[in-house]
Protein backbone atom coordinates (compact mmCIF):
# COMPACT_ATOMS: atom_id res chain seq x y z
CA UNK A 1 95.43 107.89 114.56
CA UNK A 2 96.35 111.61 113.98
CA UNK A 3 98.89 111.96 110.95
CA UNK A 4 98.15 110.66 107.59
CA UNK A 5 99.83 107.46 106.76
CA UNK A 6 102.20 110.24 104.00
CA UNK A 7 102.86 112.51 106.32
CA UNK A 8 106.41 110.44 107.44
CA UNK A 9 107.09 110.93 103.61
CA UNK A 10 106.42 114.41 103.72
CA UNK A 11 108.10 115.65 106.89
CA UNK A 12 111.46 113.57 105.18
CA UNK A 13 110.92 115.76 102.02
CA UNK A 14 110.14 118.96 103.83
CA UNK A 15 113.53 118.21 105.78
CA UNK A 16 115.59 117.91 102.53
CA UNK A 17 113.88 121.01 101.57
CA UNK A 18 115.38 122.94 103.68
CA UNK A 19 118.88 121.63 103.76
CA UNK A 20 118.24 123.27 100.05
CA UNK A 21 117.04 126.04 100.83
CA UNK A 22 119.86 126.55 103.63
CA UNK A 23 123.03 125.92 101.08
CA UNK A 24 120.89 128.72 98.28
CA UNK A 25 120.82 131.09 101.66
CA UNK A 26 124.75 130.10 102.98
CA UNK A 27 125.70 131.32 98.89
CA UNK A 28 123.76 134.52 99.59
CA UNK A 29 121.83 133.81 96.59
CA UNK A 30 117.95 134.66 96.08
CA UNK A 31 115.13 132.12 94.80
CA UNK A 32 115.39 134.02 91.13
CA UNK A 33 119.52 134.24 90.71
CA UNK A 34 119.42 130.21 91.71
CA UNK A 35 116.66 129.21 89.48
CA UNK A 36 118.96 131.31 86.46
CA UNK A 37 122.10 129.52 87.65
CA UNK A 38 120.24 126.54 87.32
CA UNK A 39 118.36 127.20 84.04
CA UNK A 40 114.72 126.48 85.22
CA UNK A 41 111.97 128.81 86.06
CA UNK A 42 111.82 130.30 89.74
CA UNK A 43 108.52 128.90 90.53
CA UNK A 44 110.67 125.67 90.22
CA UNK A 45 112.42 126.51 93.25
CA UNK A 46 109.89 127.70 95.31
CA UNK A 47 108.52 124.33 95.16
CA UNK A 48 111.21 122.55 96.20
CA UNK A 49 112.00 124.83 98.92
CA UNK A 50 108.63 124.10 100.04
CA UNK A 51 108.54 120.68 99.95
CA UNK A 52 105.92 120.19 97.36
CA UNK A 53 107.97 118.50 94.58
CA UNK A 54 110.89 115.68 95.01
CA UNK A 55 114.20 116.91 93.98
CA UNK A 56 115.64 114.91 91.05
CA UNK A 57 119.09 113.51 91.11
CA UNK A 58 119.68 116.33 88.69
CA UNK A 59 118.47 118.71 90.28
CA UNK A 60 120.12 118.60 93.31
CA UNK A 61 123.27 118.20 91.45
CA UNK A 62 122.48 121.65 89.48
CA UNK A 63 121.42 123.23 93.03
CA UNK A 64 124.67 122.04 94.27
CA UNK A 65 126.66 123.14 91.70
CA UNK A 66 125.14 126.96 91.93
CA UNK A 67 125.67 127.12 95.44
CA UNK A 68 129.27 126.14 95.56
CA UNK A 69 128.75 122.65 97.62
CA UNK A 70 129.23 120.24 94.83
CA UNK A 71 130.26 117.96 97.90
CA UNK A 72 127.08 117.77 99.64
CA UNK A 73 125.25 116.09 96.48
CA UNK A 74 126.14 112.80 97.08
CA UNK A 75 124.42 112.81 100.35
CA UNK A 76 121.63 114.97 99.33
CA UNK A 77 120.72 112.80 96.38
CA UNK A 78 121.11 109.92 99.13
CA UNK A 79 118.71 111.25 101.11
CA UNK A 80 116.20 112.04 98.50
CA UNK A 81 116.67 108.77 97.19
CA UNK A 82 115.46 107.35 101.00
CA UNK A 83 113.19 110.33 100.90
CA UNK A 84 111.45 108.78 97.53
CA UNK A 85 110.76 105.24 98.94
CA UNK A 86 108.86 106.27 101.86
CA UNK A 87 105.90 106.70 99.44
CA UNK A 88 105.83 104.71 96.07
CA UNK A 89 103.15 104.54 93.82
CA UNK A 90 101.28 101.31 92.89
CA UNK A 91 101.77 102.11 89.11
CA UNK A 92 105.59 103.20 89.07
CA UNK A 93 106.20 100.19 91.45
CA UNK A 94 104.53 97.87 88.62
CA UNK A 95 105.82 99.39 85.41
CA UNK A 96 107.74 96.85 84.90
CA UNK A 97 105.38 93.97 86.05
CA UNK A 98 104.55 92.93 90.01
CA UNK A 99 106.81 90.04 90.15
CA UNK A 100 109.91 92.72 91.44
CA UNK A 101 107.52 93.95 94.19
CA UNK A 102 106.80 90.71 95.58
CA UNK A 103 110.31 89.62 95.68
CA UNK A 104 111.33 92.77 98.03
CA UNK A 105 108.22 92.13 100.38
CA UNK A 106 110.09 88.41 100.78
CA UNK A 107 113.19 90.21 101.94
CA UNK A 108 111.06 92.44 104.49
CA UNK A 109 110.35 88.99 105.87
CA UNK A 110 113.50 87.45 105.61
CA UNK A 111 114.59 90.31 107.57
CA UNK A 112 111.76 90.31 110.51
CA UNK A 113 111.43 87.88 113.30
CA UNK A 114 108.03 89.34 114.07
CA UNK A 115 105.22 90.59 111.04
CA UNK A 116 102.48 92.13 112.86
CA UNK A 117 99.67 92.20 109.81
CA UNK A 118 96.46 93.49 109.45
CA UNK A 119 93.96 93.48 106.73
CA UNK A 120 90.49 94.69 106.09
CA UNK A 121 90.49 93.72 102.10
CA UNK A 122 92.28 91.05 101.10
CA UNK A 123 93.99 87.94 102.87
CA UNK A 124 97.71 88.68 103.43
CA UNK A 125 100.07 87.40 100.47
CA UNK A 126 101.63 85.06 102.36
CA UNK A 127 98.87 83.02 103.59
CA UNK A 128 97.15 82.95 99.88
CA UNK A 129 96.53 80.00 97.60
CA UNK A 130 98.18 80.29 93.83
CA UNK A 131 94.48 80.10 92.92
CA UNK A 132 93.50 83.24 94.88
CA UNK A 133 96.59 85.23 94.70
CA UNK A 134 96.19 84.73 90.55
CA UNK A 135 92.64 86.25 90.96
CA UNK A 136 93.47 88.80 92.62
CA UNK A 137 96.98 90.20 90.99
CA UNK A 138 95.03 89.61 87.63
CA UNK A 139 92.69 92.54 89.04
CA UNK A 140 95.52 94.24 90.15
CA UNK A 141 97.09 94.24 86.70
CA UNK A 142 93.88 95.08 85.02
CA UNK A 143 92.76 97.80 87.10
CA UNK A 144 96.41 99.33 86.72
CA UNK A 145 97.22 98.68 83.65
CA UNK A 146 100.86 97.61 83.95
CA UNK A 147 102.49 95.05 82.32
CA UNK A 148 101.24 91.52 82.83
CA UNK A 149 103.72 88.95 84.65
CA UNK A 150 100.85 87.45 86.96
CA UNK A 151 102.24 84.20 86.67
CA UNK A 152 105.44 85.26 88.01
CA UNK A 153 104.26 87.28 90.14
CA UNK A 154 101.82 84.69 91.96
CA UNK A 155 105.31 82.16 92.19
CA UNK A 156 107.34 84.54 94.07
CA UNK A 157 104.43 85.82 96.44
CA UNK A 158 103.45 82.46 96.97
CA UNK A 159 107.22 81.25 97.58
CA UNK A 160 106.64 83.86 100.96
CA UNK A 161 104.85 81.04 102.88
CA UNK A 162 107.85 79.13 103.59
CA UNK A 163 108.80 81.78 106.64
CA UNK A 164 105.89 80.04 108.08
CA UNK A 165 107.99 76.79 108.68
CA UNK A 166 111.59 78.22 108.43
CA UNK A 167 113.85 80.59 109.82
CA UNK A 168 112.04 81.21 113.46
CA UNK A 169 109.46 83.81 111.94
CA UNK A 170 105.95 84.74 113.95
CA UNK A 171 103.13 86.23 111.73
CA UNK A 172 100.29 87.86 114.30
CA UNK A 173 97.82 88.36 111.93
CA UNK A 174 94.09 90.15 112.28
CA UNK A 175 91.69 90.06 109.73
CA UNK A 176 88.17 91.57 109.39
CA UNK A 177 85.27 89.02 109.14
CA UNK A 178 84.21 90.64 105.90
CA UNK A 179 87.56 89.07 103.87
CA UNK A 180 85.81 86.01 105.05
CA UNK A 181 83.03 86.73 103.01
CA UNK A 182 84.50 88.93 99.73
CA UNK A 183 84.88 86.87 97.28
CA UNK A 184 87.86 86.81 95.11
CA UNK A 185 87.84 84.21 92.50
CA UNK A 186 84.86 81.67 91.57
CA UNK A 187 83.21 79.82 94.80
CA UNK A 188 86.13 77.62 94.69
CA UNK A 189 89.16 79.45 94.83
CA UNK A 190 87.50 80.89 97.98
CA UNK A 191 86.47 77.76 99.28
CA UNK A 192 90.48 76.63 99.32
CA UNK A 193 91.74 79.65 100.46
CA UNK A 194 89.15 79.51 103.56
CA UNK A 195 90.01 75.89 103.57
CA UNK A 196 93.86 77.09 103.65
CA UNK A 197 93.55 79.77 106.64
CA UNK A 198 92.05 76.82 108.54
CA UNK A 199 95.35 74.28 107.74
CA UNK A 200 97.63 77.33 108.76
CA UNK A 201 96.28 78.55 111.53
CA UNK A 202 97.29 76.04 114.17
CA UNK A 203 100.71 76.60 113.04
CA UNK A 204 103.49 77.53 116.00
CA UNK A 205 104.40 80.31 113.78
CA UNK A 206 101.00 81.72 113.12
CA UNK A 207 98.70 83.30 115.56
CA UNK A 208 95.36 83.97 113.25
CA UNK A 209 92.89 86.70 114.92
CA UNK A 210 89.27 87.24 113.19
CA UNK A 211 87.70 90.54 114.13
CA UNK A 212 83.91 89.90 113.58
CA UNK A 213 81.42 92.03 112.04
CA UNK A 214 79.31 92.36 115.00
CA UNK A 215 82.03 93.74 117.40
CA UNK A 216 81.55 96.68 119.07
CA UNK A 217 84.31 98.96 117.42
CA UNK A 218 86.81 100.62 119.64
CA UNK A 219 88.90 101.13 116.41
CA UNK A 220 87.46 101.60 113.37
CA UNK A 221 88.46 99.86 109.99
CA UNK A 222 91.44 100.80 108.73
CA UNK A 223 93.84 100.58 105.49
CA UNK A 224 95.72 97.10 105.37
CA UNK A 225 99.34 97.47 107.53
CA UNK A 226 102.90 95.81 108.00
CA UNK A 227 104.39 95.95 111.10
CA UNK A 228 107.92 94.78 110.37
CA UNK A 229 109.40 93.72 114.15
CA UNK A 230 109.69 97.51 115.61
CA UNK A 231 111.47 99.34 112.86
CA UNK A 232 108.99 99.60 109.99
CA UNK A 233 105.05 99.77 108.69
CA UNK A 234 103.86 99.07 105.40
CA UNK A 235 100.34 100.72 104.90
CA UNK A 236 98.82 100.12 101.49
CA UNK A 237 96.67 102.06 100.16
CA UNK A 238 94.58 102.16 96.77
CA UNK A 239 97.26 104.06 94.61
CA UNK A 240 100.13 103.70 96.79
CA UNK A 241 103.17 101.69 99.19
CA UNK A 242 103.63 104.04 102.56
CA UNK A 243 106.82 102.97 104.06
CA UNK A 244 107.02 104.76 107.71
CA UNK A 245 109.82 104.43 110.10
CA UNK A 246 109.05 107.64 112.50
CA UNK A 247 109.03 106.81 115.74
CA UNK A 248 105.20 108.55 116.65
CA UNK A 249 103.54 106.83 113.83
CA UNK A 250 105.05 103.40 114.42
CA UNK A 251 103.83 103.94 118.02
CA UNK A 252 100.71 104.82 116.39
CA UNK A 253 100.21 101.64 114.33
CA UNK A 254 101.31 99.34 117.24
CA UNK A 255 98.94 100.51 119.25
CA UNK A 256 95.58 100.50 116.86
CA UNK A 257 97.28 96.71 116.23
CA UNK A 258 96.45 96.62 119.93
CA UNK A 259 93.20 98.02 119.90
CA UNK A 260 92.16 96.20 116.93
CA UNK A 261 93.66 92.24 118.14
CA UNK A 262 91.22 93.50 121.14
CA UNK A 263 88.38 93.12 119.35
CA UNK A 264 89.25 89.95 117.49
CA UNK A 265 88.38 86.56 118.07
CA UNK A 266 91.41 83.40 118.22
CA UNK A 267 91.40 79.75 117.96
CA UNK A 268 87.99 77.98 117.94
CA UNK A 269 85.77 81.02 117.62
CA UNK A 270 87.93 81.98 114.59
CA UNK A 271 87.46 78.66 113.34
CA UNK A 272 83.85 78.76 113.51
CA UNK A 273 83.57 82.26 111.44
CA UNK A 274 85.89 80.82 108.70
CA UNK A 275 83.94 77.49 108.94
CA UNK A 276 80.89 79.95 108.36
CA UNK A 277 81.95 81.44 105.45
CA UNK A 278 83.15 77.96 103.88
CA UNK A 279 79.01 77.66 104.48
CA UNK A 280 77.83 80.27 103.13
CA UNK A 281 79.53 79.73 99.58
CA UNK A 282 77.09 76.82 99.07
């Protein structure tokens, strides 16, 4: 893919910045004059107009008041909030714990008919066992230094598995073989998790492909991402969740998913890789 996963968010922020710049110019104000009316340093005006910083609700209200365009404030604030939701740092999302974010993911799955998932790091949340989810989410909470509500967050995450059995949802999962070998929790936790994958593999709602470590790569290993129908991609980086809706970028992720799918093995061959990973745990 030719673009960063945060490029949609930046493009939207720059479009909002352009609207603010046009309001200033239509009002016949220089950047310094607008800054004086708003009561902030001219450098802030420059950065807002370049899309280098996010405009807060109060920034937009002050800008609109200074340019005699109060009637546009509500629309601009709504736009800014939409831009803000495209790129959300995990520490911000988890500032009160992880449960709320897990519930939001459940809403996405509820609304999607098909979820295509690629993971290169851990088992997808809706296929996790409680013990695996607990070990993983506890390590995330420790790393981020956010409030510990792991018990509640795990319950919310595991509850997503109900969509495997109800509502006519379909889950197409591609998983790097390394995920099977990367130990989250102790050996018993990993064994139970891998056996769970064997149990859900035959479900009509699930297509599980494993990309063998020995595969000749046509698509390099990527960050984990979820495609909800053809309308949204959620990309998970170390520090943030990136939500993509731009058609060009969605097409890139769909193309990458298809390429990854061509490298995967399915059915008995996938079961063999999972079984081998269980055997390696002793």
